[in-house]
C-alpha atoms as a PDB file:
ATOM      1  CA  MET A   1      -2.542  -6.830  -4.435  1.00  0.00           C
ATOM      2  CA  ASN A   2      -5.425  -8.968  -3.250  1.00  0.00           C
ATOM      3  CA  MET A   3      -9.155  -8.691  -2.525  1.00  0.00           C
ATOM      4  CA  THR A   4      -8.476  -7.251   0.931  1.00  0.00           C
ATOM      5  CA  ASP A   5      -6.471  -4.444  -0.682  1.00  0.00           C
ATOM      6  CA  ILE A   6      -9.317  -3.746  -3.108  1.00  0.00           C
ATOM      7  CA  HIS A   7     -11.792  -3.651  -0.222  1.00  0.00           C
ATOM      8  CA  THR A   8      -9.520  -1.302   1.749  1.00  0.00           C
ATOM      9  CA  ILE A   9      -9.123   1.041  -1.208  1.00  0.00           C
ATOM     10  CA  GLU A  10     -12.781   1.051  -2.220  1.00  0.00           C
ATOM     11  CA  THR A  11     -14.918   0.774   0.890  1.00  0.00           C
ATOM     12  CA  ASP A  12     -13.169   0.291   4.206  1.00  0.00           C
ATOM     13  CA  ASP A  13     -13.990   3.441   6.169  1.00  0.00           C
ATOM     14  CA  GLU A  14     -12.334   1.939   9.240  1.00  0.00           C
ATOM     15  CA  ALA A  15      -8.935   1.483   7.586  1.00  0.00           C
ATOM     16  CA  THR A  16      -6.123   3.619   8.922  1.00  0.00           C
ATOM     17  CA  ALA A  17      -4.221   5.914   6.588  1.00  0.00           C
ATOM     18  CA  GLU A  18      -1.312   3.493   6.883  1.00  0.00           C
ATOM     19  CA  ASP A  19      -3.507   0.545   5.814  1.00  0.00           C
ATOM     20  CA  TYR A  20      -5.027   2.522   2.956  1.00  0.00           C
ATOM     21  CA  TYR A  21      -1.728   3.710   1.512  1.00  0.00           C
ATOM     22  CA  GLN A  22      -0.060   0.323   1.918  1.00  0.00           C
ATOM     23  CA  ALA A  23      -2.942  -1.213  -0.054  1.00  0.00           C
ATOM     24  CA  MET A  24      -2.594   1.581  -2.604  1.00  0.00           C
ATOM     25  CA  GLN A  25       1.181   0.984  -2.859  1.00  0.00           C
ATOM     26  CA  ARG A  26       0.606  -2.728  -3.440  1.00  0.00           C
ATOM     27  CA  ALA A  27      -1.889  -1.812  -6.194  1.00  0.00           C
ATOM     28  CA  ILE A  28       0.729   0.453  -7.776  1.00  0.00           C
ATOM     29  CA  ASN A  29       3.408  -2.225  -7.453  1.00  0.00           C
ATOM     30  CA  SER A  30       1.161  -4.856  -9.067  1.00  0.00           C
ATOM     31  CA  GLY A  31       1.168  -2.906 -12.310  1.00  0.00           C
ATOM     32  CA  THR A  32      -2.201  -4.364 -13.300  1.00  0.00           C
ATOM     33  CA  ALA A  33      -4.251  -1.863 -11.282  1.00  0.00           C
ATOM     34  CA  TRP A  34      -3.311   0.887 -13.754  1.00  0.00           C
ATOM     35  CA  SER A  35      -5.688  -0.770 -16.242  1.00  0.00           C
ATOM     36  CA  PHE A  36      -8.663  -0.763 -13.825  1.00  0.00           C
ATOM     37  CA  GLN A  37     -11.468   1.798 -13.929  1.00  0.00           C
ATOM     38  CA  GLY A  38     -10.393   5.435 -14.107  1.00  0.00           C
ATOM     39  CA  SER A  39     -10.898   6.119 -10.406  1.00  0.00           C
ATOM     40  CA  TYR A  40      -8.064   3.714  -9.560  1.00  0.00           C
ATOM     41  CA  GLY A  41      -5.574   5.478 -11.790  1.00  0.00           C
ATOM     42  CA  ARG A  42      -6.615   8.875 -10.429  1.00  0.00           C
ATOM     43  CA  ALA A  43      -6.357   7.654  -6.829  1.00  0.00           C
ATOM     44  CA  MET A  44      -2.942   6.095  -7.432  1.00  0.00           C
ATOM     45  CA  MET A  45      -1.612   9.236  -9.147  1.00  0.00           C
ATOM     46  CA  GLY A  46      -3.037  11.351  -6.325  1.00  0.00           C
ATOM     47  CA  ALA A  47      -1.225   9.238  -3.732  1.00  0.00           C
ATOM     48  CA  ILE A  48       2.010   9.564  -5.738  1.00  0.00           C
ATOM     49  CA  THR A  49       1.594  13.316  -6.268  1.00  0.00           C
ATOM     50  CA  ASP A  50       0.867  13.865  -2.565  1.00  0.00           C
ATOM     51  CA  GLY A  51       3.972  11.879  -1.595  1.00  0.00           C
ATOM     52  CA  PHE A  52       2.161   9.034   0.169  1.00  0.00           C
ATOM     53  CA  CYS A  53       3.136   6.391  -2.404  1.00  0.00           C
ATOM     54  CA  MET A  54       5.928   5.923  -4.906  1.00  0.00           C
ATOM     55  CA  LEU A  55       5.920   4.475  -8.386  1.00  0.00           C
ATOM     56  CA  GLY A  56       6.067   0.710  -8.708  1.00  0.00           C
ATOM     57  CA  THR A  57       9.125  -1.472  -8.823  1.00  0.00           C
ATOM     58  CA  ALA A  58       8.602  -2.138 -12.551  1.00  0.00           C
ATOM     59  CA  PRO A  59       7.149  -0.048 -15.362  1.00  0.00           C
ATOM     60  CA  ALA A  60       3.478  -0.551 -16.204  1.00  0.00           C
ATOM     61  CA  ARG A  61       0.899   0.439 -18.816  1.00  0.00           C
ATOM     62  CA  ASP A  62      -2.403   2.136 -18.132  1.00  0.00           C
ATOM     63  CA  TYR A  63      -5.759   1.373 -19.761  1.00  0.00           C
ATOM     64  CA  TYR A  64      -4.833   3.521 -22.761  1.00  0.00           C
ATOM     65  CA  GLY A  65      -1.411   1.938 -23.241  1.00  0.00           C
ATOM     66  CA  ASN A  66       0.542   4.853 -21.790  1.00  0.00           C
ATOM     67  CA  ARG A  67       3.796   3.776 -20.161  1.00  0.00           C
ATOM     68  CA  ILE A  68       4.170   4.445 -16.453  1.00  0.00           C
ATOM     69  CA  PRO A  69       7.829   4.397 -15.374  1.00  0.00           C
ATOM     70  CA  SER A  70       9.182   2.537 -12.362  1.00  0.00           C
ATOM     71  CA  ARG A  71      10.468   4.395  -9.321  1.00  0.00           C
ATOM     72  CA  THR A  72      14.056   3.787 -10.434  1.00  0.00           C
ATOM     73  CA  GLU A  73      13.424   5.404 -13.830  1.00  0.00           C
ATOM     74  CA  VAL A  74      12.513   8.825 -12.463  1.00  0.00           C
ATOM     75  CA  GLN A  75      15.028  11.316 -11.181  1.00  0.00           C
ATOM     76  CA  GLU A  76      15.573  11.234  -7.406  1.00  0.00           C
ATOM     77  CA  GLY A  77      13.540  13.895  -5.672  1.00  0.00           C
ATOM     78  CA  THR A  78      10.812  13.956  -8.316  1.00  0.00           C
ATOM     79  CA  LYS A  79       7.269  12.616  -7.973  1.00  0.00           C
ATOM     80  CA  GLY A  80       7.234   8.862  -7.686  1.00  0.00           C
ATOM     81  CA  SER A  81      10.739   8.501  -6.272  1.00  0.00           C
ATOM     82  CA  TYR A  82      11.667   7.220  -2.823  1.00  0.00           C
ATOM     83  CA  SER A  83      13.203  10.556  -1.849  1.00  0.00           C
ATOM     84  CA  TYR A  84      10.031  12.452  -2.843  1.00  0.00           C
ATOM     85  CA  VAL A  85       7.986  10.295  -0.460  1.00  0.00           C
ATOM     86  CA  SER A  86      10.665  10.589   2.219  1.00  0.00           C
ATOM     87  CA  ARG A  87      10.683  14.372   1.965  1.00  0.00           C
ATOM     88  CA  ALA A  88       6.871  14.579   2.025  1.00  0.00           C
ATOM     89  CA  ASN A  89       6.132  12.090   4.821  1.00  0.00           C
ATOM     90  CA  GLY A  90       9.405  11.056   6.422  1.00  0.00           C
ATOM     91  CA  GLU A  91      11.922   8.315   5.879  1.00  0.00           C
ATOM     92  CA  GLU A  92      10.050   5.829   8.070  1.00  0.00           C
ATOM     93  CA  TRP A  93       6.945   6.238   5.882  1.00  0.00           C
ATOM     94  CA  ALA A  94       9.016   5.918   2.686  1.00  0.00           C
ATOM     95  CA  ASP A  95      10.614   2.730   4.024  1.00  0.00           C
ATOM     96  CA  MET A  96       7.165   1.310   4.816  1.00  0.00           C
ATOM     97  CA  MET A  97       5.944   2.080   1.296  1.00  0.00           C
ATOM     98  CA  ALA A  98       9.118   0.666  -0.282  1.00  0.00           C
ATOM     99  CA  GLU A  99       8.436  -2.620   1.543  1.00  0.00           C
ATOM    100  CA  ALA A 100       4.678  -2.779   0.795  1.00  0.00           C
END
């Protein structure tokens, strides 16, 4: 995650959905974004719940110290897994998020 990703997530009205969710996936993957202001955590969980993003490659902790599992720690087909994203938005989208 970098400043461009933060800009895309926060203010870039001209970003495509693909750009937005790739930036969001990188924020999730970074692990550190879970400790940002509450709107970040809510946006990341919303993207995961809606099947646009998957959990990160490693576990993380949120602002309150709660443990957030990695995508390999959740059961396949459940929220946050590759197959959940694939089922919701297609395998091509899931592959793109897995590589973000």
